């Protein structure tokens, strides 16, 4: 999980054959709603998001 601010996409991913990475852009204002609605349900991801939200608030 990465927090990226003020960035511009300059190209497509160049993944290895065994990599599966999905980039999902979610506005910060919607993160908590997605957790509470069960759209984000992996505990490690939720923990990282809560820590990240403290950095941006």
Protein backbone atom coordinates (compact mmCIF):
# COMPACT_ATOMS: atom_id res chain seq x y z
CA UNK A 1 0.00 0.00 0.00
CA UNK A 2 1.30 3.44 -0.93
CA UNK A 3 0.18 6.97 -0.23
CA UNK A 4 1.02 9.16 -3.19
CA UNK A 5 0.34 12.88 -3.27
CA UNK A 6 0.74 15.37 -6.12
CA UNK A 7 1.80 12.75 -8.66
CA UNK A 8 1.16 12.28 -12.35
CA UNK A 9 0.82 8.91 -14.11
CA UNK A 10 3.45 8.77 -16.84
CA UNK A 11 3.07 5.21 -18.11
CA UNK A 12 1.63 1.74 -17.72
CA UNK A 13 2.88 -0.88 -15.28
CA UNK A 14 5.66 -3.21 -16.39
CA UNK A 15 5.00 -6.21 -14.14
CA UNK A 16 6.85 -9.51 -13.93
CA UNK A 17 4.85 -12.52 -15.09
CA UNK A 18 4.11 -13.55 -11.47
CA UNK A 19 3.04 -10.09 -10.27
CA UNK A 20 -0.56 -9.00 -9.88
CA UNK A 21 -0.90 -5.38 -8.80
CA UNK A 22 -4.16 -3.47 -9.08
CA UNK A 23 -4.01 0.30 -8.71
CA UNK A 24 -7.19 1.75 -7.24
CA UNK A 25 -7.55 5.49 -6.76
CA UNK A 26 -9.82 6.33 -3.83
CA UNK A 27 -10.36 9.87 -2.58
CA UNK A 28 -9.34 10.18 1.07
CA UNK A 29 -12.86 11.33 1.97
CA UNK A 30 -14.27 7.96 0.81
CA UNK A 31 -11.84 5.58 2.55
CA UNK A 32 -13.68 5.26 5.87
CA UNK A 33 -17.03 4.73 4.13
CA UNK A 34 -15.54 1.89 2.06
CA UNK A 35 -14.19 0.24 5.22
CA UNK A 36 -17.48 0.56 7.11
CA UNK A 37 -19.47 -0.73 4.11
CA UNK A 38 -17.24 -3.79 3.85
CA UNK A 39 -15.79 -2.87 0.45
CA UNK A 40 -12.35 -2.95 2.06
CA UNK A 41 -12.20 -5.98 4.36
CA UNK A 42 -8.62 -7.26 4.59
CA UNK A 43 -7.42 -6.52 8.12
CA UNK A 44 -3.87 -5.58 7.12
CA UNK A 45 -5.17 -3.16 4.51
CA UNK A 46 -7.58 -1.60 7.01
CA UNK A 47 -4.80 -1.17 9.59
CA UNK A 48 -2.54 0.47 7.00
CA UNK A 49 -5.35 2.79 5.90
CA UNK A 50 -6.08 3.89 9.47
CA UNK A 51 -2.39 4.69 9.98
CA UNK A 52 -2.27 6.51 6.64
CA UNK A 53 -5.36 8.55 7.41
CA UNK A 54 -3.59 9.91 10.49
CA UNK A 55 -0.82 11.24 8.24
CA UNK A 56 -3.15 13.15 5.92
CA UNK A 57 -5.57 14.57 8.49
